[in-house]
Amino acid sequence: MPNIEIGLQYSFIFVVILFFSTFHYFICLFLLTKLKQIKLTKNLNILNEQKTYRTAISLGRIHVSLILFASL
């Protein structure tokens, strides 16, 4: 039975890390879109939105990989 308890602990830790990394991704996305809107005011075009989403996705992926690496 100890193996099952250890597995449950690791799965719980993984779910918590996944939740916080997803939360961090949405915070990055929100902040980057707000910064872009402030910087570009009314001239927000599709190309800049795509760059914002790509930056938020890359920040989220870096954060997820760092947390997963630190949890090992």
N, C-alpha and C. Protein backbone atom coordinates (compact mmCIF):
# COMPACT_ATOMS: atom_id res chain seq x y z
N MET A 1 0.79 -1.22 0.00
CA MET A 1 0.00 0.00 0.00
C MET A 1 0.83 1.29 0.00
N PRO A 2 2.04 1.30 0.50
CA PRO A 2 2.81 2.57 0.48
C PRO A 2 3.05 3.09 -0.94
N ASN A 3 3.16 2.17 -1.92
CA ASN A 3 3.39 2.62 -3.29
C ASN A 3 2.20 3.41 -3.84
N ILE A 4 1.01 2.97 -3.48
CA ILE A 4 -0.20 3.68 -3.93
C ILE A 4 -0.26 5.06 -3.29
N GLU A 5 0.08 5.15 -2.02
CA GLU A 5 0.04 6.46 -1.34
C GLU A 5 1.06 7.41 -1.94
N ILE A 6 2.25 6.93 -2.27
CA ILE A 6 3.26 7.77 -2.89
C ILE A 6 2.79 8.23 -4.27
N GLY A 7 2.19 7.30 -5.01
CA GLY A 7 1.66 7.65 -6.33
C GLY A 7 0.57 8.70 -6.24
N LEU A 8 -0.31 8.58 -5.23
CA LEU A 8 -1.35 9.59 -5.05
C LEU A 8 -0.77 10.94 -4.68
N GLN A 9 0.27 10.94 -3.85
CA GLN A 9 0.91 12.20 -3.49
C GLN A 9 1.52 12.87 -4.72
N TYR A 10 2.21 12.08 -5.55
CA TYR A 10 2.82 12.65 -6.75
C TYR A 10 1.77 13.14 -7.74
N SER A 11 0.67 12.40 -7.86
CA SER A 11 -0.37 12.85 -8.79
C SER A 11 -1.04 14.13 -8.27
N PHE A 12 -1.22 14.23 -6.95
CA PHE A 12 -1.79 15.45 -6.38
C PHE A 12 -0.85 16.63 -6.62
N ILE A 13 0.45 16.43 -6.41
CA ILE A 13 1.43 17.49 -6.65
C ILE A 13 1.41 17.90 -8.12
N PHE A 14 1.32 16.93 -9.02
CA PHE A 14 1.28 17.24 -10.44
C PHE A 14 0.03 18.05 -10.80
N VAL A 15 -1.13 17.70 -10.23
CA VAL A 15 -2.36 18.43 -10.51
C VAL A 15 -2.25 19.86 -9.98
N VAL A 16 -1.67 20.04 -8.79
CA VAL A 16 -1.51 21.38 -8.23
C VAL A 16 -0.57 22.21 -9.11
N ILE A 17 0.53 21.61 -9.56
CA ILE A 17 1.48 22.31 -10.43
C ILE A 17 0.80 22.68 -11.75
N LEU A 18 0.02 21.76 -12.30
CA LEU A 18 -0.68 22.03 -13.55
C LEU A 18 -1.69 23.17 -13.38
N PHE A 19 -2.40 23.19 -12.25
CA PHE A 19 -3.36 24.25 -11.99
C PHE A 19 -2.67 25.60 -11.91
N PHE A 20 -1.58 25.68 -11.12
CA PHE A 20 -0.91 26.97 -10.95
C PHE A 20 -0.21 27.42 -12.23
N SER A 21 0.30 26.49 -13.03
CA SER A 21 0.93 26.89 -14.28
C SER A 21 -0.12 27.41 -15.27
N THR A 22 -1.31 26.79 -15.29
CA THR A 22 -2.39 27.29 -16.14
C THR A 22 -2.84 28.66 -15.67
N PHE A 23 -2.94 28.84 -14.35
CA PHE A 23 -3.30 30.14 -13.78
C PHE A 23 -2.26 31.18 -14.16
N HIS A 24 -0.98 30.81 -14.08
CA HIS A 24 0.10 31.72 -14.45
C HIS A 24 0.03 32.08 -15.93
N TYR A 25 -0.32 31.11 -16.77
CA TYR A 25 -0.45 31.37 -18.21
C TYR A 25 -1.52 32.43 -18.47
N PHE A 26 -2.67 32.31 -17.81
CA PHE A 26 -3.74 33.27 -18.04
C PHE A 26 -3.38 34.64 -17.47
N ILE A 27 -2.65 34.69 -16.36
CA ILE A 27 -2.19 35.98 -15.84
C ILE A 27 -1.23 36.64 -16.82
N CYS A 28 -0.29 35.86 -17.38
CA CYS A 28 0.64 36.40 -18.37
C CYS A 28 -0.12 36.91 -19.59
N LEU A 29 -1.08 36.13 -20.05
CA LEU A 29 -1.86 36.53 -21.22
C LEU A 29 -2.63 37.81 -20.95
N PHE A 30 -3.24 37.91 -19.77
CA PHE A 30 -4.01 39.10 -19.42
C PHE A 30 -3.12 40.32 -19.32
N LEU A 31 -1.98 40.19 -18.63
CA LEU A 31 -1.09 41.33 -18.47
C LEU A 31 -0.49 41.78 -19.79
N LEU A 32 -0.10 40.81 -20.62
CA LEU A 32 0.48 41.18 -21.91
C LEU A 32 -0.54 41.86 -22.81
N THR A 33 -1.79 41.38 -22.80
CA THR A 33 -2.80 42.05 -23.63
C THR A 33 -3.08 43.45 -23.11
N LYS A 34 -3.10 43.62 -21.79
CA LYS A 34 -3.32 44.96 -21.24
C LYS A 34 -2.17 45.89 -21.57
N LEU A 35 -0.93 45.39 -21.47
CA LEU A 35 0.23 46.22 -21.80
C LEU A 35 0.22 46.59 -23.28
N LYS A 36 -0.14 45.64 -24.14
CA LYS A 36 -0.19 45.94 -25.57
C LYS A 36 -1.29 46.94 -25.87
N GLN A 37 -2.42 46.83 -25.19
CA GLN A 37 -3.51 47.77 -25.44
C GLN A 37 -3.13 49.16 -24.97
N ILE A 38 -2.43 49.25 -23.86
CA ILE A 38 -2.01 50.56 -23.38
C ILE A 38 -0.97 51.16 -24.34
N LYS A 39 -0.05 50.32 -24.80
CA LYS A 39 1.02 50.80 -25.66
C LYS A 39 0.50 51.17 -27.05
N LEU A 40 -0.40 50.37 -27.58
CA LEU A 40 -0.84 50.58 -28.96
C LEU A 40 -2.12 51.40 -29.06
N THR A 41 -2.73 51.69 -27.95
CA THR A 41 -4.01 52.40 -27.84
C THR A 41 -5.04 51.81 -28.81
N LYS A 42 -5.46 52.57 -29.83
CA LYS A 42 -6.52 52.09 -30.71
C LYS A 42 -6.00 51.33 -31.92
N ASN A 43 -4.70 51.34 -32.16
CA ASN A 43 -4.15 50.70 -33.36
C ASN A 43 -3.71 49.27 -33.08
N LEU A 44 -4.56 48.49 -32.46
CA LEU A 44 -4.23 47.09 -32.14
C LEU A 44 -4.59 46.23 -33.35
N ASN A 45 -3.57 45.75 -34.06
CA ASN A 45 -3.87 44.93 -35.23
C ASN A 45 -3.64 43.46 -34.93
N ILE A 46 -3.99 42.61 -35.90
CA ILE A 46 -3.97 41.16 -35.69
C ILE A 46 -2.55 40.65 -35.47
N LEU A 47 -1.57 41.22 -36.16
CA LEU A 47 -0.20 40.75 -36.04
C LEU A 47 0.32 40.94 -34.61
N ASN A 48 0.04 42.08 -34.01
CA ASN A 48 0.49 42.33 -32.64
C ASN A 48 -0.23 41.44 -31.64
N GLU A 49 -1.50 41.13 -31.90
CA GLU A 49 -2.22 40.21 -31.02
C GLU A 49 -1.60 38.83 -31.07
N GLN A 50 -1.23 38.39 -32.27
CA GLN A 50 -0.61 37.07 -32.40
C GLN A 50 0.73 37.02 -31.68
N LYS A 51 1.51 38.11 -31.75
CA LYS A 51 2.78 38.17 -31.03
C LYS A 51 2.54 38.10 -29.52
N THR A 52 1.49 38.78 -29.06
CA THR A 52 1.17 38.76 -27.63
C THR A 52 0.82 37.36 -27.17
N TYR A 53 -0.02 36.67 -27.94
CA TYR A 53 -0.40 35.30 -27.57
C TYR A 53 0.81 34.37 -27.59
N ARG A 54 1.67 34.52 -28.60
CA ARG A 54 2.87 33.68 -28.66
C ARG A 54 3.78 33.93 -27.46
N THR A 55 3.92 35.20 -27.07
CA THR A 55 4.76 35.52 -25.92
C THR A 55 4.18 34.94 -24.64
N ALA A 56 2.86 35.03 -24.49
CA ALA A 56 2.22 34.47 -23.30
C ALA A 56 2.35 32.96 -23.27
N ILE A 57 2.19 32.32 -24.42
CA ILE A 57 2.31 30.87 -24.48
C ILE A 57 3.73 30.44 -24.14
N SER A 58 4.72 31.17 -24.68
CA SER A 58 6.11 30.80 -24.39
C SER A 58 6.45 31.03 -22.92
N LEU A 59 5.94 32.11 -22.33
CA LEU A 59 6.17 32.33 -20.90
C LEU A 59 5.52 31.23 -20.06
N GLY A 60 4.32 30.84 -20.44
CA GLY A 60 3.64 29.77 -19.72
C GLY A 60 4.39 28.45 -19.83
N ARG A 61 4.90 28.15 -21.03
CA ARG A 61 5.65 26.90 -21.21
C ARG A 61 6.94 26.91 -20.42
N ILE A 62 7.64 28.04 -20.41
CA ILE A 62 8.88 28.14 -19.63
C ILE A 62 8.58 27.94 -18.15
N HIS A 63 7.50 28.55 -17.68
CA HIS A 63 7.14 28.44 -16.27
C HIS A 63 6.79 27.00 -15.92
N VAL A 64 6.02 26.35 -16.79
CA VAL A 64 5.63 24.95 -16.54
C VAL A 64 6.87 24.06 -16.50
N SER A 65 7.77 24.25 -17.46
CA SER A 65 8.95 23.39 -17.49
C SER A 65 9.85 23.63 -16.28
N LEU A 66 9.97 24.88 -15.84
CA LEU A 66 10.78 25.16 -14.65
C LEU A 66 10.17 24.53 -13.40
N ILE A 67 8.85 24.63 -13.26
CA ILE A 67 8.20 24.04 -12.08
C ILE A 67 8.32 22.53 -12.11
N LEU A 68 8.10 21.92 -13.27
CA LEU A 68 8.20 20.47 -13.36
C LEU A 68 9.64 20.00 -13.09
N PHE A 69 10.61 20.75 -13.59
CA PHE A 69 12.01 20.40 -13.35
C PHE A 69 12.35 20.56 -11.86
N ALA A 70 11.82 21.61 -11.23
CA ALA A 70 12.10 21.83 -9.81
C ALA A 70 11.41 20.78 -8.93
N SER A 71 10.28 20.25 -9.40
CA SER A 71 9.57 19.26 -8.58
C SER A 71 10.23 17.88 -8.64
N LEU A 72 11.09 17.67 -9.63
CA LEU A 72 11.80 16.39 -9.70
C LEU A 72 12.89 16.40 -8.69
